[in-house]
PDB file of all heavy atoms in Angstrom:
ATOM      1  N   LEU A   1     -13.299   4.043   0.642  1.00  0.00           N
ATOM      2  CA  LEU A   1     -12.044   3.479   1.154  1.00  0.00           C
ATOM      3  C   LEU A   1     -12.355   2.374   2.158  1.00  0.00           C
ATOM      4  O   LEU A   1     -11.454   1.509   2.404  1.00  0.00           O
ATOM      5  CB  LEU A   1     -11.160   4.564   1.811  1.00  0.00           C
ATOM      6  CG  LEU A   1     -10.458   5.516   0.841  1.00  0.00           C
ATOM      7  CD1 LEU A   1      -9.719   6.597   1.615  1.00  0.00           C
ATOM      8  CD2 LEU A   1      -9.496   4.742  -0.072  1.00  0.00           C
ATOM      9  N   ALA A   2     -13.489   2.387   2.743  1.00  0.00           N
ATOM     10  CA  ALA A   2     -13.849   1.308   3.719  1.00  0.00           C
ATOM     11  C   ALA A   2     -13.782  -0.075   3.113  1.00  0.00           C
ATOM     12  O   ALA A   2     -13.593  -1.055   3.785  1.00  0.00           O
ATOM     13  CB  ALA A   2     -15.243   1.579   4.322  1.00  0.00           C
ATOM     14  N   ALA A   3     -13.937  -0.143   1.766  1.00  0.00           N
ATOM     15  CA  ALA A   3     -13.864  -1.445   1.086  1.00  0.00           C
ATOM     16  C   ALA A   3     -12.446  -1.989   0.988  1.00  0.00           C
ATOM     17  O   ALA A   3     -12.253  -3.161   0.621  1.00  0.00           O
ATOM     18  CB  ALA A   3     -14.461  -1.291  -0.331  1.00  0.00           C
ATOM     19  N   PHE A   4     -11.435  -1.191   1.374  1.00  0.00           N
ATOM     20  CA  PHE A   4     -10.051  -1.564   1.194  1.00  0.00           C
ATOM     21  C   PHE A   4      -9.293  -1.651   2.567  1.00  0.00           C
ATOM     22  O   PHE A   4      -8.102  -1.536   2.570  1.00  0.00           O
ATOM     23  CB  PHE A   4      -9.354  -0.606   0.258  1.00  0.00           C
ATOM     24  CG  PHE A   4      -9.960  -0.573  -1.116  1.00  0.00           C
ATOM     25  CD1 PHE A   4     -10.898   0.330  -1.452  1.00  0.00           C
ATOM     26  CD2 PHE A   4      -9.540  -1.544  -2.062  1.00  0.00           C
ATOM     27  CE1 PHE A   4     -11.478   0.381  -2.725  1.00  0.00           C
ATOM     28  CE2 PHE A   4     -10.117  -1.518  -3.329  1.00  0.00           C
ATOM     29  CZ  PHE A   4     -11.078  -0.618  -3.664  1.00  0.00           C
ATOM     30  N   THR A   5     -10.028  -1.888   3.628  1.00  0.00           N
ATOM     31  CA  THR A   5      -9.411  -1.901   4.946  1.00  0.00           C
ATOM     32  C   THR A   5      -8.222  -2.807   5.028  1.00  0.00           C
ATOM     33  O   THR A   5      -7.192  -2.496   5.660  1.00  0.00           O
ATOM     34  CB  THR A   5     -10.458  -2.288   6.003  1.00  0.00           C
ATOM     35  OG1 THR A   5     -11.544  -1.410   5.937  1.00  0.00           O
ATOM     36  CG2 THR A   5      -9.849  -2.306   7.412  1.00  0.00           C
ATOM     37  N   ASP A   6      -8.304  -3.976   4.388  1.00  0.00           N
ATOM     38  CA  ASP A   6      -7.229  -4.986   4.462  1.00  0.00           C
ATOM     39  C   ASP A   6      -6.285  -4.952   3.268  1.00  0.00           C
ATOM     40  O   ASP A   6      -5.434  -5.836   3.088  1.00  0.00           O
ATOM     41  CB  ASP A   6      -7.795  -6.397   4.602  1.00  0.00           C
ATOM     42  CG  ASP A   6      -8.698  -6.782   3.463  1.00  0.00           C
ATOM     43  OD1 ASP A   6      -9.048  -5.942   2.628  1.00  0.00           O
ATOM     44  OD2 ASP A   6      -9.053  -7.984   3.378  1.00  0.00           O
ATOM     45  N   LYS A   7      -6.346  -3.908   2.420  1.00  0.00           N
ATOM     46  CA  LYS A   7      -5.573  -3.822   1.239  1.00  0.00           C
ATOM     47  C   LYS A   7      -4.325  -2.949   1.361  1.00  0.00           C
ATOM     48  O   LYS A   7      -3.434  -2.898   0.491  1.00  0.00           O
ATOM     49  CB  LYS A   7      -6.422  -3.344   0.066  1.00  0.00           C
ATOM     50  CG  LYS A   7      -7.601  -4.208  -0.288  1.00  0.00           C
ATOM     51  CD  LYS A   7      -7.180  -5.503  -0.993  1.00  0.00           C
ATOM     52  CE  LYS A   7      -8.399  -6.237  -1.435  1.00  0.00           C
ATOM     53  NZ  LYS A   7      -8.066  -7.478  -2.208  1.00  0.00           N
ATOM     54  N   TRP A   8      -4.220  -2.162   2.486  1.00  0.00           N
ATOM     55  CA  TRP A   8      -3.109  -1.254   2.634  1.00  0.00           C
ATOM     56  C   TRP A   8      -1.829  -2.091   2.868  1.00  0.00           C
ATOM     57  O   TRP A   8      -1.870  -3.059   3.615  1.00  0.00           O
ATOM     58  CB  TRP A   8      -3.359  -0.282   3.812  1.00  0.00           C
ATOM     59  CG  TRP A   8      -4.478   0.637   3.620  1.00  0.00           C
ATOM     60  CD1 TRP A   8      -5.828   0.388   3.882  1.00  0.00           C
ATOM     61  CD2 TRP A   8      -4.396   1.979   3.196  1.00  0.00           C
ATOM     62  NE1 TRP A   8      -6.576   1.498   3.572  1.00  0.00           N
ATOM     63  CE2 TRP A   8      -5.709   2.502   3.197  1.00  0.00           C
ATOM     64  CE3 TRP A   8      -3.383   2.822   2.826  1.00  0.00           C
ATOM     65  CZ2 TRP A   8      -5.999   3.834   2.813  1.00  0.00           C
ATOM     66  CZ3 TRP A   8      -3.634   4.122   2.467  1.00  0.00           C
ATOM     67  CH2 TRP A   8      -5.001   4.614   2.467  1.00  0.00           C
ATOM     68  N   VAL A   9      -0.722  -1.656   2.278  1.00  0.00           N
ATOM     69  CA  VAL A   9       0.518  -2.351   2.464  1.00  0.00           C
ATOM     70  C   VAL A   9       1.587  -1.311   2.913  1.00  0.00           C
ATOM     71  O   VAL A   9       1.514  -0.150   2.660  1.00  0.00           O
ATOM     72  CB  VAL A   9       0.985  -3.060   1.157  1.00  0.00           C
ATOM     73  CG1 VAL A   9      -0.028  -4.036   0.755  1.00  0.00           C
ATOM     74  CG2 VAL A   9       1.206  -2.055   0.045  1.00  0.00           C
ATOM     75  N   GLN A  10       2.635  -1.886   3.555  1.00  0.00           N
ATOM     76  CA  GLN A  10       3.737  -1.033   4.035  1.00  0.00           C
ATOM     77  C   GLN A  10       4.332  -0.213   2.897  1.00  0.00           C
ATOM     78  O   GLN A  10       4.679  -0.781   1.835  1.00  0.00           O
ATOM     79  CB  GLN A  10       4.803  -1.903   4.694  1.00  0.00           C
ATOM     80  CG  GLN A  10       6.039  -1.110   5.154  1.00  0.00           C
ATOM     81  CD  GLN A  10       5.758  -0.320   6.377  1.00  0.00           C
ATOM     82  OE1 GLN A  10       5.010  -0.698   7.263  1.00  0.00           O
ATOM     83  NE2 GLN A  10       6.390   0.892   6.439  1.00  0.00           N
ATOM     84  N   TYR A  11       4.450   1.078   3.090  1.00  0.00           N
ATOM     85  CA  TYR A  11       5.073   1.919   2.105  1.00  0.00           C
ATOM     86  C   TYR A  11       6.589   1.831   2.304  1.00  0.00           C
ATOM     87  O   TYR A  11       7.148   2.134   3.308  1.00  0.00           O
ATOM     88  CB  TYR A  11       4.635   3.362   2.270  1.00  0.00           C
ATOM     89  CG  TYR A  11       4.890   4.251   1.068  1.00  0.00           C
ATOM     90  CD1 TYR A  11       3.845   4.631   0.274  1.00  0.00           C
ATOM     91  CD2 TYR A  11       6.193   4.665   0.704  1.00  0.00           C
ATOM     92  CE1 TYR A  11       4.058   5.406  -0.866  1.00  0.00           C
ATOM     93  CE2 TYR A  11       6.391   5.436  -0.422  1.00  0.00           C
ATOM     94  CZ  TYR A  11       5.326   5.782  -1.200  1.00  0.00           C
ATOM     95  OH  TYR A  11       5.538   6.557  -2.311  1.00  0.00           O
ATOM     96  N   ASN A  12       7.289   1.387   1.198  1.00  0.00           N
ATOM     97  CA  ASN A  12       8.720   1.201   1.213  1.00  0.00           C
ATOM     98  C   ASN A  12       9.133   0.274   2.395  1.00  0.00           C
ATOM     99  O   ASN A  12       9.536   0.812   3.443  1.00  0.00           O
ATOM    100  CB  ASN A  12       9.492   2.508   1.250  1.00  0.00           C
ATOM    101  CG  ASN A  12      10.939   2.336   0.797  1.00  0.00           C
ATOM    102  OD1 ASN A  12      11.441   1.200   0.763  1.00  0.00           O
ATOM    103  ND2 ASN A  12      11.581   3.438   0.452  1.00  0.00           N
ATOM    104  N   PRO A  13       8.999  -1.017   2.244  1.00  0.00           N
ATOM    105  CA  PRO A  13       9.267  -1.946   3.371  1.00  0.00           C
ATOM    106  C   PRO A  13      10.629  -1.824   3.971  1.00  0.00           C
ATOM    107  O   PRO A  13      10.857  -2.271   5.093  1.00  0.00           O
ATOM    108  CB  PRO A  13       9.090  -3.316   2.665  1.00  0.00           C
ATOM    109  CG  PRO A  13       8.194  -3.082   1.529  1.00  0.00           C
ATOM    110  CD  PRO A  13       8.568  -1.702   1.024  1.00  0.00           C
ATOM    111  N   GLU A  14      11.596  -1.237   3.253  1.00  0.00           N
ATOM    112  CA  GLU A  14      12.878  -1.040   3.904  1.00  0.00           C
ATOM    113  C   GLU A  14      12.903  -0.001   4.957  1.00  0.00           C
ATOM    114  O   GLU A  14      13.846   0.146   5.743  1.00  0.00           O
ATOM    115  CB  GLU A  14      13.885  -0.655   2.768  1.00  0.00           C
ATOM    116  CG  GLU A  14      14.155  -1.788   1.761  1.00  0.00           C
ATOM    117  CD  GLU A  14      15.184  -1.401   0.716  1.00  0.00           C
ATOM    118  OE1 GLU A  14      15.677  -0.239   0.750  1.00  0.00           O
ATOM    119  OE2 GLU A  14      15.511  -2.292  -0.090  1.00  0.00           O
ATOM    120  N   LYS A  15      11.844   0.801   5.016  1.00  0.00           N
ATOM    121  CA  LYS A  15      11.781   1.914   5.987  1.00  0.00           C
ATOM    122  C   LYS A  15      10.714   1.540   7.033  1.00  0.00           C
ATOM    123  O   LYS A  15       9.673   2.248   7.238  1.00  0.00           O
ATOM    124  CB  LYS A  15      11.408   3.231   5.309  1.00  0.00           C
ATOM    125  CG  LYS A  15      12.292   3.591   4.160  1.00  0.00           C
ATOM    126  CD  LYS A  15      13.686   3.996   4.538  1.00  0.00           C
ATOM    127  CE  LYS A  15      14.551   4.448   3.353  1.00  0.00           C
ATOM    128  NZ  LYS A  15      15.889   4.815   3.759  1.00  0.00           N
ATOM    129  N   VAL A  16      10.919   0.459   7.758  1.00  0.00           N
ATOM    130  CA  VAL A  16       9.946  -0.089   8.688  1.00  0.00           C
ATOM    131  C   VAL A  16       9.677   0.865   9.873  1.00  0.00           C
ATOM    132  O   VAL A  16       8.663   0.755  10.548  1.00  0.00           O
ATOM    133  CB  VAL A  16      10.281  -1.485   9.159  1.00  0.00           C
ATOM    134  CG1 VAL A  16      10.202  -2.484   8.015  1.00  0.00           C
ATOM    135  CG2 VAL A  16      11.674  -1.507   9.790  1.00  0.00           C
ATOM    136  N   ASN A  17      10.647   1.697  10.203  1.00  0.00           N
ATOM    137  CA  ASN A  17      10.508   2.625  11.291  1.00  0.00           C
ATOM    138  C   ASN A  17       9.782   3.879  10.916  1.00  0.00           C
ATOM    139  O   ASN A  17       9.651   4.797  11.767  1.00  0.00           O
ATOM    140  CB  ASN A  17      11.897   2.969  11.882  1.00  0.00           C
ATOM    141  CG  ASN A  17      12.558   1.760  12.509  1.00  0.00           C
ATOM    142  OD1 ASN A  17      11.891   0.946  13.141  1.00  0.00           O
ATOM    143  ND2 ASN A  17      13.865   1.674  12.346  1.00  0.00           N
ATOM    144  N   ASN A  18       9.347   3.979   9.698  1.00  0.00           N
ATOM    145  CA  ASN A  18       8.576   5.125   9.237  1.00  0.00           C
ATOM    146  C   ASN A  18       7.086   4.670   9.017  1.00  0.00           C
ATOM    147  O   ASN A  18       6.776   3.976   8.044  1.00  0.00           O
ATOM    148  CB  ASN A  18       9.175   5.611   7.913  1.00  0.00           C
ATOM    149  CG  ASN A  18       8.551   6.973   7.467  1.00  0.00           C
ATOM    150  OD1 ASN A  18       7.509   7.397   7.963  1.00  0.00           O
ATOM    151  ND2 ASN A  18       9.209   7.644   6.544  1.00  0.00           N
ATOM    152  N   PRO A  19       6.196   4.944   9.965  1.00  0.00           N
ATOM    153  CA  PRO A  19       4.845   4.352   9.913  1.00  0.00           C
ATOM    154  C   PRO A  19       3.955   4.936   8.787  1.00  0.00           C
ATOM    155  O   PRO A  19       3.187   5.871   9.016  1.00  0.00           O
ATOM    156  CB  PRO A  19       4.299   4.623  11.331  1.00  0.00           C
ATOM    157  CG  PRO A  19       5.010   5.887  11.768  1.00  0.00           C
ATOM    158  CD  PRO A  19       6.384   5.782  11.169  1.00  0.00           C
ATOM    159  N   ARG A  20       4.080   4.344   7.617  1.00  0.00           N
ATOM    160  CA  ARG A  20       3.264   4.738   6.437  1.00  0.00           C
ATOM    161  C   ARG A  20       2.779   3.488   5.798  1.00  0.00           C
ATOM    162  O   ARG A  20       3.479   2.502   5.644  1.00  0.00           O
ATOM    163  CB  ARG A  20       4.116   5.548   5.462  1.00  0.00           C
ATOM    164  CG  ARG A  20       4.911   6.718   5.954  1.00  0.00           C
ATOM    165  CD  ARG A  20       5.830   7.265   4.934  1.00  0.00           C
ATOM    166  NE  ARG A  20       6.880   6.256   4.609  1.00  0.00           N
ATOM    167  CZ  ARG A  20       7.825   6.473   3.705  1.00  0.00           C
ATOM    168  NH1 ARG A  20       7.885   7.573   3.018  1.00  0.00           N
ATOM    169  NH2 ARG A  20       8.770   5.545   3.518  1.00  0.00           N
ATOM    170  N   HIS A  21       1.575   3.519   5.247  1.00  0.00           N
ATOM    171  CA  HIS A  21       1.038   2.468   4.421  1.00  0.00           C
ATOM    172  C   HIS A  21       0.435   3.077   3.164  1.00  0.00           C
ATOM    173  O   HIS A  21       0.032   4.276   3.160  1.00  0.00           O
ATOM    174  CB  HIS A  21      -0.027   1.693   5.153  1.00  0.00           C
ATOM    175  CG  HIS A  21       0.510   0.784   6.215  1.00  0.00           C
ATOM    176  ND1 HIS A  21       0.871   1.280   7.454  1.00  0.00           N
ATOM    177  CD2 HIS A  21       0.834  -0.556   6.198  1.00  0.00           C
ATOM    178  CE1 HIS A  21       1.349   0.273   8.211  1.00  0.00           C
ATOM    179  NE2 HIS A  21       1.336  -0.837   7.477  1.00  0.00           N
ATOM    180  N   GLY A  22       0.437   2.367   2.107  1.00  0.00           N
ATOM    181  CA  GLY A  22      -0.063   2.862   0.819  1.00  0.00           C
ATOM    182  C   GLY A  22      -1.114   2.000   0.183  1.00  0.00           C
ATOM    183  O   GLY A  22      -1.243   0.809   0.518  1.00  0.00           O
ATOM    184  N   LEU A  23      -1.887   2.624  -0.660  1.00  0.00           N
ATOM    185  CA  LEU A  23      -2.955   1.928  -1.417  1.00  0.00           C
ATOM    186  C   LEU A  23      -2.792   2.394  -2.839  1.00  0.00           C
ATOM    187  O   LEU A  23      -3.042   3.582  -3.135  1.00  0.00           O
ATOM    188  CB  LEU A  23      -4.310   2.311  -0.849  1.00  0.00           C
ATOM    189  CG  LEU A  23      -5.492   1.521  -1.322  1.00  0.00           C
ATOM    190  CD1 LEU A  23      -5.429   0.064  -0.826  1.00  0.00           C
ATOM    191  CD2 LEU A  23      -6.785   2.146  -0.799  1.00  0.00           C
ATOM    192  N   SER A  24      -2.360   1.531  -3.739  1.00  0.00           N
ATOM    193  CA  SER A  24      -2.038   1.916  -5.121  1.00  0.00           C
ATOM    194  C   SER A  24      -3.311   2.266  -5.862  1.00  0.00           C
ATOM    195  O   SER A  24      -4.259   1.474  -5.945  1.00  0.00           O
ATOM    196  CB  SER A  24      -1.296   0.794  -5.817  1.00  0.00           C
ATOM    197  OG  SER A  24      -0.088   0.525  -5.137  1.00  0.00           O
ATOM    198  N   VAL A  25      -3.329   3.418  -6.500  1.00  0.00           N
ATOM    199  CA  VAL A  25      -4.448   3.816  -7.371  1.00  0.00           C
ATOM    200  C   VAL A  25      -4.097   3.532  -8.810  1.00  0.00           C
ATOM    201  O   VAL A  25      -4.970   3.192  -9.623  1.00  0.00           O
ATOM    202  CB  VAL A  25      -4.705   5.337  -7.184  1.00  0.00           C
ATOM    203  CG1 VAL A  25      -5.896   5.779  -8.090  1.00  0.00           C
ATOM    204  CG2 VAL A  25      -5.055   5.620  -5.692  1.00  0.00           C
ATOM    205  N   THR A  26      -2.838   3.552  -9.150  1.00  0.00           N
ATOM    206  CA  THR A  26      -2.307   3.083 -10.430  1.00  0.00           C
ATOM    207  C   THR A  26      -1.017   2.275 -10.109  1.00  0.00           C
ATOM    208  O   THR A  26      -0.407   2.455  -9.081  1.00  0.00           O
ATOM    209  CB  THR A  26      -1.953   4.211 -11.401  1.00  0.00           C
ATOM    210  OG1 THR A  26      -0.956   5.031 -10.807  1.00  0.00           O
ATOM    211  CG2 THR A  26      -3.153   5.058 -11.758  1.00  0.00           C
ATOM    212  N   SER A  27      -0.697   1.375 -11.029  1.00  0.00           N
ATOM    213  CA  SER A  27       0.524   0.583 -10.855  1.00  0.00           C
ATOM    214  C   SER A  27       1.037   0.157 -12.202  1.00  0.00           C
ATOM    215  O   SER A  27       0.389   0.454 -13.260  1.00  0.00           O
ATOM    216  CB  SER A  27       0.225  -0.632  -9.936  1.00  0.00           C
ATOM    217  OG  SER A  27      -0.687  -1.531 -10.574  1.00  0.00           O
ATOM    218  N   LEU A  28       2.102  -0.619 -12.222  1.00  0.00           N
ATOM    219  CA  LEU A  28       2.665  -1.106 -13.519  1.00  0.00           C
ATOM    220  C   LEU A  28       1.747  -2.067 -14.225  1.00  0.00           C
ATOM    221  O   LEU A  28       1.586  -2.060 -15.442  1.00  0.00           O
ATOM    222  CB  LEU A  28       4.012  -1.775 -13.279  1.00  0.00           C
ATOM    223  CG  LEU A  28       5.185  -0.843 -12.969  1.00  0.00           C
ATOM    224  CD1 LEU A  28       6.461  -1.720 -12.728  1.00  0.00           C
ATOM    225  CD2 LEU A  28       5.478   0.121 -14.081  1.00  0.00           C
ATOM    226  N   ASP A  29       1.045  -2.919 -13.387  1.00  0.00           N
ATOM    227  CA  ASP A  29       0.217  -3.995 -13.986  1.00  0.00           C
ATOM    228  C   ASP A  29      -1.214  -3.963 -13.571  1.00  0.00           C
ATOM    229  O   ASP A  29      -1.948  -4.879 -13.866  1.00  0.00           O
ATOM    230  CB  ASP A  29       0.859  -5.340 -13.563  1.00  0.00           C
ATOM    231  CG  ASP A  29       0.890  -5.565 -12.078  1.00  0.00           C
ATOM    232  OD1 ASP A  29       0.459  -4.654 -11.336  1.00  0.00           O
ATOM    233  OD2 ASP A  29       1.403  -6.626 -11.652  1.00  0.00           O
ATOM    234  N   GLY A  30      -1.622  -2.883 -12.868  1.00  0.00           N
ATOM    235  CA  GLY A  30      -3.013  -2.828 -12.381  1.00  0.00           C
ATOM    236  C   GLY A  30      -3.261  -3.555 -11.097  1.00  0.00           C
ATOM    237  O   GLY A  30      -4.375  -3.542 -10.578  1.00  0.00           O
ATOM    238  N   GLY A  31      -2.183  -4.180 -10.530  1.00  0.00           N
ATOM    239  CA  GLY A  31      -2.293  -4.852  -9.290  1.00  0.00           C
ATOM    240  C   GLY A  31      -2.098  -3.943  -8.094  1.00  0.00           C
ATOM    241  O   GLY A  31      -1.691  -2.774  -8.254  1.00  0.00           O
ATOM    242  N   MET A  32      -2.277  -4.469  -6.874  1.00  0.00           N
ATOM    243  CA  MET A  32      -2.187  -3.641  -5.673  1.00  0.00           C
ATOM    244  C   MET A  32      -1.191  -4.229  -4.692  1.00  0.00           C
ATOM    245  O   MET A  32      -1.330  -4.046  -3.451  1.00  0.00           O
ATOM    246  CB  MET A  32      -3.579  -3.459  -5.033  1.00  0.00           C
ATOM    247  CG  MET A  32      -4.529  -2.720  -5.918  1.00  0.00           C
ATOM    248  SD  MET A  32      -6.202  -2.564  -5.198  1.00  0.00           S
ATOM    249  CE  MET A  32      -5.812  -1.529  -3.710  1.00  0.00           C
ATOM    250  N   SER A  33      -0.170  -4.912  -5.187  1.00  0.00           N
ATOM    251  CA  SER A  33       0.880  -5.464  -4.277  1.00  0.00           C
ATOM    252  C   SER A  33       1.752  -4.404  -3.679  1.00  0.00           C
ATOM    253  O   SER A  33       2.411  -4.622  -2.644  1.00  0.00           O
ATOM    254  CB  SER A  33       1.707  -6.456  -5.038  1.00  0.00           C
ATOM    255  OG  SER A  33       2.560  -5.756  -5.994  1.00  0.00           O
TER     256      SER A  33
END
């Protein structure tokens, strides 16, 4: 996971007061947006 330090993104950006970040392991297109 150390290789992905800058890849974490806000989990559900509409819930900014909930301090969570996610790292996609699977997605619709294989991307990590």
